[in-house]
Amino acid sequence: MTSALPATVAGQDRRKTQPAAALGAAWGDPAIIAQCGVGVPKDYSRTASCTEADGVGWFVPDAQVNDQSADVVMSTAGYRPVLQVTVPATYRPNGLAAAMVELAPMVKQYTRLVHPCH
């Protein structure tokens, strides 16, 4: 799945990660970071609300949604494996939406939906 991650996200170019074989990718400075195969977020439940972008539900904790100055850690919590993406506050609000849309095709192709977000 990591090899399918795009060359750019939210207008930011992909950059090298350490170690190079990490299960994820990074773009820009400050870095937007994607990590594959992480656990389901502690505050996620099957009744949690999600933001849908291009057919993929992304879970973002309420505190981060409501605080526009906060970094956002969004997850495809209803999919396996889980993809977690950290978007620094400097990219809000447009970068957050762009990351959701630009990563959605890869999520649909390489992960399995186990229960949709609402």
C-alpha atoms as a PDB file:
ATOM      1  CA  MET A   1       0.000   0.000   0.000  1.00  0.00           C
ATOM      2  CA  THR A   2       2.790   2.472   0.787  1.00  0.00           C
ATOM      3  CA  SER A   3       4.146   2.279  -2.746  1.00  0.00           C
ATOM      4  CA  ALA A   4       0.721   3.399  -4.003  1.00  0.00           C
ATOM      5  CA  LEU A   5       0.729   6.609  -1.958  1.00  0.00           C
ATOM      6  CA  PRO A   6       0.716   9.673  -4.238  1.00  0.00           C
ATOM      7  CA  ALA A   7       3.703  11.872  -5.140  1.00  0.00           C
ATOM      8  CA  THR A   8       1.889  14.941  -3.787  1.00  0.00           C
ATOM      9  CA  VAL A   9      -0.711  15.536  -1.072  1.00  0.00           C
ATOM     10  CA  ALA A  10      -2.353  18.905  -0.454  1.00  0.00           C
ATOM     11  CA  GLY A  11       0.088  20.505  -2.904  1.00  0.00           C
ATOM     12  CA  GLN A  12       3.097  19.179  -0.980  1.00  0.00           C
ATOM     13  CA  ASP A  13       5.757  16.950  -2.548  1.00  0.00           C
ATOM     14  CA  ARG A  14       6.602  13.573  -1.089  1.00  0.00           C
ATOM     15  CA  ARG A  15       9.803  13.539   0.952  1.00  0.00           C
ATOM     16  CA  LYS A  16      12.135  10.840   2.230  1.00  0.00           C
ATOM     17  CA  THR A  17      11.320   9.078   5.478  1.00  0.00           C
ATOM     18  CA  GLN A  18      13.578   7.414   8.045  1.00  0.00           C
ATOM     19  CA  PRO A  19      13.826   4.510   7.872  1.00  0.00           C
ATOM     20  CA  ALA A  20      13.256   4.401   4.131  1.00  0.00           C
ATOM     21  CA  ALA A  21      11.280   1.151   4.518  1.00  0.00           C
ATOM     22  CA  ALA A  22       8.797   2.736   6.961  1.00  0.00           C
ATOM     23  CA  LEU A  23       5.140   1.757   6.533  1.00  0.00           C
ATOM     24  CA  GLY A  24       4.060   5.194   5.425  1.00  0.00           C
ATOM     25  CA  ALA A  25       5.058   8.404   3.713  1.00  0.00           C
ATOM     26  CA  ALA A  26       5.558  12.118   4.323  1.00  0.00           C
ATOM     27  CA  TRP A  27       4.892  15.239   2.267  1.00  0.00           C
ATOM     28  CA  GLY A  28       5.950  18.871   2.749  1.00  0.00           C
ATOM     29  CA  ASP A  29       7.462  20.817   5.635  1.00  0.00           C
ATOM     30  CA  PRO A  30       5.986  20.675   8.203  1.00  0.00           C
ATOM     31  CA  ALA A  31       5.275  17.110   7.177  1.00  0.00           C
ATOM     32  CA  ILE A  32       1.914  15.593   6.428  1.00  0.00           C
ATOM     33  CA  ILE A  33       2.519  12.025   7.605  1.00  0.00           C
ATOM     34  CA  ALA A  34       0.678   8.849   6.575  1.00  0.00           C
ATOM     35  CA  GLN A  35       1.155   5.648   8.557  1.00  0.00           C
ATOM     36  CA  CYS A  36      -0.262   2.308   7.451  1.00  0.00           C
ATOM     37  CA  GLY A  37      -1.359  -0.484   9.750  1.00  0.00           C
ATOM     38  CA  VAL A  38      -1.822   1.511  12.952  1.00  0.00           C
ATOM     39  CA  GLY A  39      -4.411   0.655  15.597  1.00  0.00           C
ATOM     40  CA  VAL A  40      -7.957   1.978  15.705  1.00  0.00           C
ATOM     41  CA  PRO A  41      -8.037   5.332  17.571  1.00  0.00           C
ATOM     42  CA  LYS A  42      -8.989   5.024  21.264  1.00  0.00           C
ATOM     43  CA  ASP A  43     -11.883   7.470  20.955  1.00  0.00           C
ATOM     44  CA  TYR A  44     -13.390   5.800  17.865  1.00  0.00           C
ATOM     45  CA  SER A  45     -16.572   3.732  18.125  1.00  0.00           C
ATOM     46  CA  ARG A  46     -18.893   2.243  15.525  1.00  0.00           C
ATOM     47  CA  THR A  47     -21.304   5.118  16.162  1.00  0.00           C
ATOM     48  CA  ALA A  48     -18.642   7.828  15.765  1.00  0.00           C
ATOM     49  CA  SER A  49     -19.255  10.494  13.163  1.00  0.00           C
ATOM     50  CA  CYS A  50     -16.935  10.639  10.189  1.00  0.00           C
ATOM     51  CA  THR A  51     -16.244  12.949   7.280  1.00  0.00           C
ATOM     52  CA  GLU A  52     -16.710  11.286   3.914  1.00  0.00           C
ATOM     53  CA  ALA A  53     -14.501  12.251   0.983  1.00  0.00           C
ATOM     54  CA  ASP A  54     -14.650  10.474  -2.363  1.00  0.00           C
ATOM     55  CA  GLY A  55     -16.459   7.516  -0.796  1.00  0.00           C
ATOM     56  CA  VAL A  56     -14.055   7.022   2.137  1.00  0.00           C
ATOM     57  CA  GLY A  57     -15.030   7.778   5.747  1.00  0.00           C
ATOM     58  CA  TRP A  58     -12.361   9.543   7.828  1.00  0.00           C
ATOM     59  CA  PHE A  59     -12.579   9.729  11.609  1.00  0.00           C
ATOM     60  CA  VAL A  60     -11.302  12.946  13.186  1.00  0.00           C
ATOM     61  CA  PRO A  61     -11.644  13.423  16.974  1.00  0.00           C
ATOM     62  CA  ASP A  62     -14.193  16.125  17.848  1.00  0.00           C
ATOM     63  CA  ALA A  63     -11.639  18.235  19.739  1.00  0.00           C
ATOM     64  CA  GLN A  64      -9.512  18.499  16.580  1.00  0.00           C
ATOM     65  CA  VAL A  65     -12.511  19.296  14.379  1.00  0.00           C
ATOM     66  CA  ASN A  66     -13.533  22.156  16.655  1.00  0.00           C
ATOM     67  CA  ASP A  67     -10.036  23.649  17.162  1.00  0.00           C
ATOM     68  CA  GLN A  68      -8.854  25.087  13.836  1.00  0.00           C
ATOM     69  CA  SER A  69      -5.402  25.749  15.337  1.00  0.00           C
ATOM     70  CA  ALA A  70      -4.848  22.055  16.152  1.00  0.00           C
ATOM     71  CA  ASP A  71      -2.987  19.471  14.133  1.00  0.00           C
ATOM     72  CA  VAL A  72      -5.363  16.797  12.852  1.00  0.00           C
ATOM     73  CA  VAL A  73      -4.874  13.051  13.157  1.00  0.00           C
ATOM     74  CA  MET A  74      -7.434  11.444  10.879  1.00  0.00           C
ATOM     75  CA  SER A  75      -7.952   7.727  10.433  1.00  0.00           C
ATOM     76  CA  THR A  76      -9.755   5.344   8.127  1.00  0.00           C
ATOM     77  CA  ALA A  77     -11.003   3.606  11.269  1.00  0.00           C
ATOM     78  CA  GLY A  78     -13.651   1.541   9.476  1.00  0.00           C
ATOM     79  CA  TYR A  79     -11.068  -0.015   7.148  1.00  0.00           C
ATOM     80  CA  ARG A  80      -8.402  -2.666   7.621  1.00  0.00           C
ATOM     81  CA  PRO A  81      -5.566  -2.028   7.681  1.00  0.00           C
ATOM     82  CA  VAL A  82      -6.093   1.422   9.202  1.00  0.00           C
ATOM     83  CA  LEU A  83      -4.427   4.405   7.512  1.00  0.00           C
ATOM     84  CA  GLN A  84      -3.647   7.295   9.870  1.00  0.00           C
ATOM     85  CA  VAL A  85      -2.748  10.698   8.467  1.00  0.00           C
ATOM     86  CA  THR A  86      -1.402  13.592  10.535  1.00  0.00           C
ATOM     87  CA  VAL A  87      -2.045  16.992   8.954  1.00  0.00           C
ATOM     88  CA  PRO A  88      -0.325  19.979  10.627  1.00  0.00           C
ATOM     89  CA  ALA A  89      -2.612  22.900  11.459  1.00  0.00           C
ATOM     90  CA  THR A  90      -0.776  25.109   8.942  1.00  0.00           C
ATOM     91  CA  TYR A  91      -2.525  23.191   6.134  1.00  0.00           C
ATOM     92  CA  ARG A  92      -6.045  23.709   7.511  1.00  0.00           C
ATOM     93  CA  PRO A  93      -8.732  23.835   6.245  1.00  0.00           C
ATOM     94  CA  ASN A  94      -8.003  23.156   2.550  1.00  0.00           C
ATOM     95  CA  GLY A  95      -5.110  20.749   3.092  1.00  0.00           C
ATOM     96  CA  LEU A  96      -7.203  18.514   5.299  1.00  0.00           C
ATOM     97  CA  ALA A  97      -9.913  18.110   2.672  1.00  0.00           C
ATOM     98  CA  ALA A  98      -7.328  17.705  -0.095  1.00  0.00           C
ATOM     99  CA  ALA A  99      -5.540  14.929   1.803  1.00  0.00           C
ATOM    100  CA  MET A 100      -8.815  13.058   2.330  1.00  0.00           C
ATOM    101  CA  VAL A 101      -9.723  13.215  -1.356  1.00  0.00           C
ATOM    102  CA  GLU A 102      -6.225  12.512  -2.706  1.00  0.00           C
ATOM    103  CA  LEU A 103      -5.690   9.457  -0.477  1.00  0.00           C
ATOM    104  CA  ALA A 104      -9.190   7.990  -0.961  1.00  0.00           C
ATOM    105  CA  PRO A 105      -8.427   6.042  -4.186  1.00  0.00           C
ATOM    106  CA  MET A 106      -5.514   4.272  -2.508  1.00  0.00           C
ATOM    107  CA  VAL A 107      -7.644   3.467   0.563  1.00  0.00           C
ATOM    108  CA  LYS A 108     -10.398   1.964  -1.623  1.00  0.00           C
ATOM    109  CA  GLN A 109      -7.921  -0.106  -3.622  1.00  0.00           C
ATOM    110  CA  TYR A 110      -5.644  -1.442  -0.861  1.00  0.00           C
ATOM    111  CA  THR A 111      -7.800  -1.696   2.268  1.00  0.00           C
ATOM    112  CA  ARG A 112     -11.013  -3.516   3.160  1.00  0.00           C
ATOM    113  CA  LEU A 113     -14.112  -1.782   4.521  1.00  0.00           C
ATOM    114  CA  VAL A 114     -15.230  -3.622   7.677  1.00  0.00           C
ATOM    115  CA  HIS A 115     -17.881  -1.156   8.895  1.00  0.00           C
ATOM    116  CA  PRO A 116     -18.714   2.268   7.452  1.00  0.00           C
ATOM    117  CA  CYS A 117     -18.527   5.462   9.469  1.00  0.00           C
ATOM    118  CA  HIS A 118     -21.683   7.491   9.957  1.00  0.00           C
END
